[in-house]
């Protein structure tokens, strides 16, 4: 009997070792594909389920640190930062590193020590910085997101969703500093353990990243290989045993952009390529309203300074409608674009008299 029990235990261990990494994850999986310009969901599955996102957390860490720091600020690395659990860029206690270098270590190498150092600098403490992260998430409308730390290490209450995480990347990319860092493939660090950092995101290395070297202001292409029809230009990787593999990627092609996020997906590289290609195949960039002056009634007109361009599929092209709301004082207006009853885009417009 004892021999049988030992055999069963042995076989259980063997089976567990043979299972893929995502078998350790719990709580399900999900994905979301957003229009990179408007944030509209193009494709999704279980996209609002609250799940662990691992190091995709660092997208928000980077943005909040950028918004609350000077890039050239020197940060004295604390013992807490230098001994942070998990992935590391091997910072030494007492050394001085600029915020900018820490951001590259955070986004390219996913350094938890960099996350801790940035949090202590920008928030006064890790706990203070986490409050800033959550406050910024509320402002951004990330209703399924709660942060408990700046690195993404597992905590039962540290959760987001595929849709919220995709929106995080979309919002962060509107910041020029973040976009520059998140699209970099190689970076030569000037830390005490200085080394050449390569971005962990495979699709970026195959796409359109840039190489940045300390003291060299020039930017040179690192790699011109393009596995996806639309080139990946920014993103972040993540993994914990609880979260499984998590991945965020921003793609662009011929003026179109999309954000892809998968949570707990073992074949994430191929899934991201496939979802981006699905966007390019099924959606096209359409001019919904041309720029110019439009007469509303015999007294009023509106003026669009730029055309409204939206990604639409064939069916949506037939159901687009515009709705104009003008203030009572008739000085301001908002032009909204609807698909059926869903508003997918809105832009402020100038209200003028017809004879102007």
Protein backbone atom coordinates (compact mmCIF):
# COMPACT_ATOMS: atom_id res chain seq x y z
CA UNK A 1 0.00 0.00 0.00
CA UNK A 2 2.83 2.39 0.93
CA UNK A 3 4.58 1.57 -2.34
CA UNK A 4 1.37 2.37 -4.26
CA UNK A 5 1.01 5.74 -2.49
CA UNK A 6 4.64 6.60 -3.32
CA UNK A 7 4.06 5.67 -6.95
CA UNK A 8 0.95 7.88 -7.16
CA UNK A 9 2.84 10.81 -5.61
CA UNK A 10 5.74 10.30 -8.02
CA UNK A 11 3.44 10.24 -11.06
CA UNK A 12 1.65 13.40 -9.83
CA UNK A 13 4.94 15.27 -9.58
CA UNK A 14 5.99 14.07 -13.06
CA UNK A 15 2.70 15.23 -14.58
CA UNK A 16 2.98 18.65 -12.88
CA UNK A 17 6.50 19.12 -14.25
CA UNK A 18 5.30 18.24 -17.74
CA UNK A 19 2.50 20.82 -17.70
CA UNK A 20 3.06 24.17 -19.44
CA UNK A 21 3.86 27.29 -17.38
CA UNK A 22 0.31 28.59 -17.58
CA UNK A 23 -0.95 25.54 -15.72
CA UNK A 24 0.28 27.22 -12.54
CA UNK A 25 -1.84 30.27 -13.23
CA UNK A 26 -5.27 30.59 -11.69
CA UNK A 27 -8.33 32.68 -12.30
CA UNK A 28 -8.72 32.22 -16.04
CA UNK A 29 -7.44 34.21 -18.99
CA UNK A 30 -8.53 37.03 -21.26
CA UNK A 31 -7.49 39.30 -24.08
CA UNK A 32 -8.38 42.68 -25.53
CA UNK A 33 -7.55 44.44 -28.78
CA UNK A 34 -8.09 48.21 -28.78
CA UNK A 35 -8.02 50.85 -31.47
CA UNK A 36 -4.80 52.61 -30.53
CA UNK A 37 -6.26 56.05 -31.23
CA UNK A 38 -9.76 55.93 -29.77
CA UNK A 39 -9.53 53.08 -27.26
CA UNK A 40 -12.49 51.29 -28.84
CA UNK A 41 -12.52 47.53 -28.31
CA UNK A 42 -12.08 45.77 -31.66
CA UNK A 43 -11.82 42.17 -30.43
CA UNK A 44 -12.03 40.73 -26.92
CA UNK A 45 -12.62 37.67 -24.79
CA UNK A 46 -13.16 37.83 -21.03
CA UNK A 47 -11.64 41.30 -21.29
CA UNK A 48 -13.19 42.74 -18.13
CA UNK A 49 -12.34 39.83 -15.84
CA UNK A 50 -10.12 40.96 -12.94
CA UNK A 51 -6.89 38.99 -13.19
CA UNK A 52 -3.25 39.30 -12.10
CA UNK A 53 -1.16 41.10 -14.74
CA UNK A 54 2.38 40.52 -13.38
CA UNK A 55 4.96 42.96 -14.79
CA UNK A 56 2.52 44.68 -17.13
CA UNK A 57 2.05 46.72 -13.94
CA UNK A 58 5.30 48.47 -14.89
CA UNK A 59 3.59 50.26 -17.78
CA UNK A 60 1.72 52.30 -15.16
CA UNK A 61 4.73 52.48 -12.86
CA UNK A 62 6.73 54.08 -15.69
CA UNK A 63 4.02 56.58 -16.59
CA UNK A 64 3.40 57.68 -13.00
CA UNK A 65 7.16 57.97 -12.37
CA UNK A 66 7.59 60.10 -15.52
CA UNK A 67 4.72 62.37 -14.51
CA UNK A 68 6.12 62.87 -11.01
CA UNK A 69 9.87 63.09 -11.63
CA UNK A 70 12.59 64.84 -13.59
CA UNK A 71 14.38 62.45 -15.94
CA UNK A 72 17.79 63.71 -14.86
CA UNK A 73 17.09 63.43 -11.13
CA UNK A 74 19.70 61.22 -9.45
CA UNK A 75 18.26 58.48 -7.27
CA UNK A 76 20.33 57.00 -4.43
CA UNK A 77 19.57 53.30 -4.48
CA UNK A 78 18.28 52.09 -1.12
CA UNK A 79 18.96 48.69 0.46
CA UNK A 80 15.28 47.87 -0.06
CA UNK A 81 15.55 48.58 -3.79
CA UNK A 82 18.83 46.71 -4.25
CA UNK A 83 17.41 43.58 -2.64
CA UNK A 84 13.99 43.65 -4.30
CA UNK A 85 12.58 40.22 -5.04
CA UNK A 86 12.39 38.97 -8.62
CA UNK A 87 13.85 40.21 -11.90
CA UNK A 88 16.68 42.70 -11.48
CA UNK A 89 19.05 45.09 -13.23
CA UNK A 90 21.51 44.48 -10.36
CA UNK A 91 21.50 47.89 -8.72
CA UNK A 92 23.85 48.36 -5.77
CA UNK A 93 22.83 50.02 -2.52
CA UNK A 94 24.25 53.53 -2.35
CA UNK A 95 24.91 54.01 -6.07
CA UNK A 96 23.34 56.96 -7.87
CA UNK A 97 21.28 56.33 -10.99
CA UNK A 98 19.19 58.79 -13.01
CA UNK A 99 15.43 58.40 -13.26
CA UNK A 100 15.84 58.02 -17.02
CA UNK A 101 18.21 55.04 -16.69
CA UNK A 102 15.92 53.43 -14.12
CA UNK A 103 13.00 53.77 -16.54
CA UNK A 104 14.94 51.95 -19.25
CA UNK A 105 15.83 49.20 -16.77
CA UNK A 106 12.19 49.00 -15.76
CA UNK A 107 10.74 48.73 -19.26
CA UNK A 108 13.46 46.79 -21.11
CA UNK A 109 14.61 44.36 -18.39
CA UNK A 110 11.60 44.51 -16.05
CA UNK A 111 13.82 45.31 -13.06
CA UNK A 112 11.94 45.09 -9.78
CA UNK A 113 14.84 46.94 -8.16
CA UNK A 114 14.31 49.77 -10.66
CA UNK A 115 10.56 49.77 -9.86
CA UNK A 116 11.27 50.07 -6.14
CA UNK A 117 13.85 52.83 -6.62
CA UNK A 118 11.51 54.85 -8.85
CA UNK A 119 8.66 54.40 -6.39
CA UNK A 120 10.73 55.59 -3.44
CA UNK A 121 11.92 58.62 -5.42
CA UNK A 122 8.64 59.72 -7.01
CA UNK A 123 6.30 58.76 -4.17
CA UNK A 124 8.50 59.30 -1.13
CA UNK A 125 8.04 55.61 -0.34
CA UNK A 126 6.82 52.50 -2.13
CA UNK A 127 3.51 52.79 -0.30
CA UNK A 128 3.16 56.46 -1.22
CA UNK A 129 3.88 55.71 -4.86
CA UNK A 130 1.27 52.93 -4.96
CA UNK A 131 -1.28 55.53 -3.83
CA UNK A 132 -0.24 57.72 -6.77
CA UNK A 133 -0.66 54.76 -9.12
CA UNK A 134 -4.18 54.06 -7.87
CA UNK A 135 -5.18 57.73 -7.96
CA UNK A 136 -3.95 57.99 -11.56
CA UNK A 137 -5.87 54.83 -12.43
CA UNK A 138 -9.10 56.37 -11.10
CA UNK A 139 -8.53 59.49 -13.20
CA UNK A 140 -7.94 57.29 -16.26
CA UNK A 141 -11.19 55.38 -15.67
CA UNK A 142 -9.51 52.02 -15.03
CA UNK A 143 -12.40 50.62 -13.03
CA UNK A 144 -11.12 47.05 -12.82
CA UNK A 145 -7.64 47.95 -11.61
CA UNK A 146 -6.08 48.03 -8.13
CA UNK A 147 -2.33 48.21 -7.53
CA UNK A 148 -0.62 46.94 -4.38
CA UNK A 149 3.01 47.35 -5.50
CA UNK A 150 4.96 48.96 -8.37
CA UNK A 151 6.48 45.76 -9.78
CA UNK A 152 3.60 43.34 -10.30
CA UNK A 153 4.74 40.75 -7.77
CA UNK A 154 1.79 38.64 -6.74
CA UNK A 155 -0.70 39.99 -4.23
CA UNK A 156 -4.26 38.68 -4.06
CA UNK A 157 -5.68 42.21 -4.41
CA UNK A 158 -3.27 43.39 -7.13
CA UNK A 159 -5.55 42.93 -10.14
CA UNK A 160 -6.55 44.48 -13.45
CA UNK A 161 -8.19 43.29 -16.66
CA UNK A 162 -7.09 42.82 -20.25
CA UNK A 163 -9.13 45.83 -21.32
CA UNK A 164 -7.82 48.09 -18.54
CA UNK A 165 -4.24 47.00 -19.19
CA UNK A 166 -4.55 47.72 -22.90
CA UNK A 167 -5.93 51.15 -22.00
CA UNK A 168 -2.94 51.67 -19.69
CA UNK A 169 -0.56 51.17 -22.61
CA UNK A 170 -2.67 53.32 -24.93
CA UNK A 171 -2.69 56.20 -22.42
CA UNK A 172 1.01 55.82 -21.60
CA UNK A 173 1.97 55.99 -25.28
CA UNK A 174 0.49 59.49 -25.45
CA UNK A 175 3.46 60.53 -23.30
CA UNK A 176 6.45 61.14 -25.60
CA UNK A 177 9.03 60.10 -23.01
CA UNK A 178 7.24 56.82 -22.29
CA UNK A 179 6.85 56.10 -25.99
CA UNK A 180 10.55 56.64 -26.63
CA UNK A 181 11.56 54.33 -23.77
CA UNK A 182 8.93 51.67 -24.49
CA UNK A 183 10.02 51.46 -28.16
CA UNK A 184 13.73 51.04 -27.39
CA UNK A 185 15.29 47.66 -28.14
CA UNK A 186 18.84 48.20 -26.82
CA UNK A 187 20.19 50.53 -24.15
CA UNK A 188 23.71 50.79 -22.74
CA UNK A 189 23.41 51.51 -19.02
CA UNK A 190 25.89 53.55 -17.01
CA UNK A 191 25.12 51.83 -13.71
CA UNK A 192 27.87 50.25 -11.59
CA UNK A 193 27.01 46.95 -13.23
CA UNK A 194 26.68 48.71 -16.56
CA UNK A 195 25.74 46.49 -19.45
CA UNK A 196 23.83 46.45 -22.71
CA UNK A 197 20.16 45.95 -21.94
CA UNK A 198 18.08 44.19 -24.57
CA UNK A 199 14.30 44.51 -24.50
CA UNK A 200 12.66 41.25 -23.40
CA UNK A 201 9.78 41.82 -25.83
CA UNK A 202 10.53 39.58 -28.81
CA UNK A 203 8.12 41.29 -31.19
CA UNK A 204 9.79 44.64 -30.59
CA UNK A 205 13.18 43.16 -31.39
CA UNK A 206 11.71 41.84 -34.62
CA UNK A 207 10.09 45.20 -35.36
CA UNK A 208 10.90 48.88 -35.23
CA UNK A 209 12.77 49.56 -32.00
CA UNK A 210 15.62 52.05 -31.60
CA UNK A 211 19.02 51.75 -29.95
CA UNK A 212 19.97 54.39 -27.39
CA UNK A 213 23.48 54.71 -25.98
CA UNK A 214 24.62 56.96 -23.14
CA UNK A 215 26.30 60.06 -24.55
CA UNK A 216 25.07 59.36 -28.07
CA UNK A 217 22.01 61.33 -29.14
CA UNK A 218 21.61 59.46 -32.42
CA UNK A 219 19.01 56.74 -32.83
CA UNK A 220 19.71 53.84 -35.14
CA UNK A 221 17.50 50.94 -36.20
CA UNK A 222 18.51 47.72 -34.47
CA UNK A 223 16.58 45.19 -36.45
CA UNK A 224 14.46 45.39 -39.56
CA UNK A 225 12.88 41.92 -39.37
CA UNK A 226 9.07 42.08 -39.33
CA UNK A 227 7.22 38.94 -38.35
CA UNK A 228 3.87 40.70 -38.10
CA UNK A 229 2.40 42.56 -41.06
CA UNK A 230 1.92 45.51 -38.74
CA UNK A 231 5.12 46.34 -36.90
CA UNK A 232 5.22 46.07 -33.10
CA UNK A 233 6.60 49.35 -31.79
CA UNK A 234 6.09 49.29 -28.01
CA UNK A 235 5.09 46.90 -25.26
CA UNK A 236 5.85 44.99 -22.07
CA UNK A 237 6.24 41.38 -20.98
CA UNK A 238 5.24 39.77 -17.70
CA UNK A 239 5.16 36.46 -15.85
CA UNK A 240 4.44 35.03 -12.42
CA UNK A 241 3.37 31.51 -11.56
CA UNK A 242 -0.03 32.83 -10.50
CA UNK A 243 -0.59 35.21 -13.43
CA UNK A 244 0.97 33.02 -16.12
CA UNK A 245 2.43 34.74 -19.17
CA UNK A 246 1.14 38.28 -19.73
CA UNK A 247 1.95 40.46 -22.72
CA UNK A 248 1.10 43.94 -24.02
CA UNK A 249 2.00 45.07 -27.54
CA UNK A 250 1.31 48.17 -29.61
CA UNK A 251 1.24 47.63 -33.39
CA UNK A 252 1.15 50.09 -36.27
CA UNK A 253 0.61 49.78 -40.02
CA UNK A 254 -0.21 52.36 -42.68
CA UNK A 255 -1.62 54.86 -40.21
CA UNK A 256 -3.55 52.26 -38.18
CA UNK A 257 -2.61 51.39 -34.61
CA UNK A 258 -3.88 48.73 -32.26
CA UNK A 259 -3.07 47.62 -28.71
CA UNK A 260 -3.10 43.90 -27.91
CA UNK A 261 -3.06 42.50 -24.37
CA UNK A 262 -3.23 38.85 -23.38
CA UNK A 263 -3.39 37.58 -19.80
CA UNK A 264 -2.41 33.99 -19.02
CA UNK A 265 -1.70 33.00 -22.64
CA UNK A 266 1.12 30.50 -23.18
CA UNK A 267 1.40 31.12 -26.95
CA UNK A 268 1.34 34.90 -26.59
CA UNK A 269 3.86 35.84 -29.33
CA UNK A 270 1.87 34.07 -32.02
CA UNK A 271 -1.49 35.17 -30.59
CA UNK A 272 -0.39 38.81 -30.70
CA UNK A 273 0.83 38.51 -34.28
CA UNK A 274 -2.43 36.84 -35.24
CA UNK A 275 -4.67 39.41 -33.56
CA UNK A 276 -2.76 42.32 -35.12
CA UNK A 277 -3.04 40.74 -38.55
CA UNK A 278 -6.76 40.19 -37.94
CA UNK A 279 -7.14 43.94 -37.35
CA UNK A 280 -5.32 44.80 -40.58
CA UNK A 281 -7.42 42.28 -42.53
CA UNK A 282 -10.83 43.24 -41.15
CA UNK A 283 -10.46 46.96 -40.40
CA UNK A 284 -9.40 49.89 -42.55
CA UNK A 285 -8.77 53.53 -41.75
CA UNK A 286 -11.75 55.51 -43.02
CA UNK A 287 -12.38 59.24 -43.26
CA UNK A 288 -15.68 59.62 -41.42
CA UNK A 289 -15.78 63.43 -41.61
CA UNK A 290 -13.47 65.62 -43.68
CA UNK A 291 -11.95 68.74 -42.18
CA UNK A 292 -13.64 72.01 -43.05
CA UNK A 293 -16.73 74.12 -42.37
CA UNK A 294 -20.21 72.58 -42.15
CA UNK A 295 -23.54 74.42 -42.01
CA UNK A 296 -25.75 73.33 -39.12
CA UNK A 297 -28.72 75.63 -39.74
CA UNK A 298 -29.36 79.04 -41.30
CA UNK A 299 -27.45 80.78 -38.50
CA UNK A 300 -24.77 78.39 -37.28
CA UNK A 301 -21.93 76.34 -38.73
CA UNK A 302 -19.14 74.24 -37.24
CA UNK A 303 -15.50 73.95 -38.22
CA UNK A 304 -13.32 70.84 -38.04
CA UNK A 305 -9.62 71.61 -37.97
CA UNK A 306 -8.66 67.98 -38.70
CA UNK A 307 -10.51 65.13 -40.44
CA UNK A 308 -12.01 62.35 -38.31
CA UNK A 309 -10.31 59.07 -39.20
CA UNK A 310 -11.54 55.84 -37.63
CA UNK A 311 -10.80 52.15 -37.99
CA UNK A 312 -13.98 50.49 -39.27
CA UNK A 313 -14.89 47.12 -40.70
CA UNK A 314 -17.19 46.63 -43.70
CA UNK A 315 -20.39 46.34 -41.67
CA UNK A 316 -19.60 49.37 -39.53
CA UNK A 317 -19.05 51.61 -42.53
CA UNK A 318 -22.77 51.29 -43.29
CA UNK A 319 -23.99 52.14 -39.79
CA UNK A 320 -21.87 55.17 -38.86
CA UNK A 321 -23.80 58.29 -37.91
CA UNK A 322 -22.84 61.72 -36.56
CA UNK A 323 -24.55 63.59 -33.72
CA UNK A 324 -23.77 67.23 -32.92
CA UNK A 325 -24.32 68.76 -29.48
CA UNK A 326 -24.06 72.56 -29.24
CA UNK A 327 -23.92 74.48 -25.95
CA UNK A 328 -26.76 76.83 -25.07
CA UNK A 329 -24.50 79.83 -25.60
CA UNK A 330 -23.69 78.41 -29.02
CA UNK A 331 -19.96 78.92 -28.62
CA UNK A 332 -18.88 75.33 -28.21
CA UNK A 333 -19.92 72.01 -29.65
CA UNK A 334 -19.10 68.31 -29.59
CA UNK A 335 -19.35 66.12 -32.66
CA UNK A 336 -19.93 62.48 -31.72
CA UNK A 337 -19.61 59.43 -33.94
CA UNK A 338 -21.99 56.55 -33.24
CA UNK A 339 -22.19 52.94 -34.35
CA UNK A 340 -25.82 52.13 -33.66
CA UNK A 341 -26.36 53.32 -30.08
CA UNK A 342 -22.69 53.17 -29.11
CA UNK A 343 -20.65 56.34 -29.17
CA UNK A 344 -17.19 55.42 -30.41
CA UNK A 345 -15.59 58.84 -30.79
CA UNK A 346 -16.15 62.47 -29.86
CA UNK A 347 -14.30 65.66 -30.72
CA UNK A 348 -14.82 69.32 -29.72
CA UNK A 349 -15.68 71.61 -32.64
CA UNK A 350 -15.74 75.36 -33.18
CA UNK A 351 -19.19 76.90 -33.56
CA UNK A 352 -19.36 79.88 -35.88
CA UNK A 353 -21.95 82.06 -37.55
CA UNK A 354 -22.79 81.05 -41.11
CA UNK A 355 -21.47 84.28 -42.62
CA UNK A 356 -17.98 83.97 -41.12
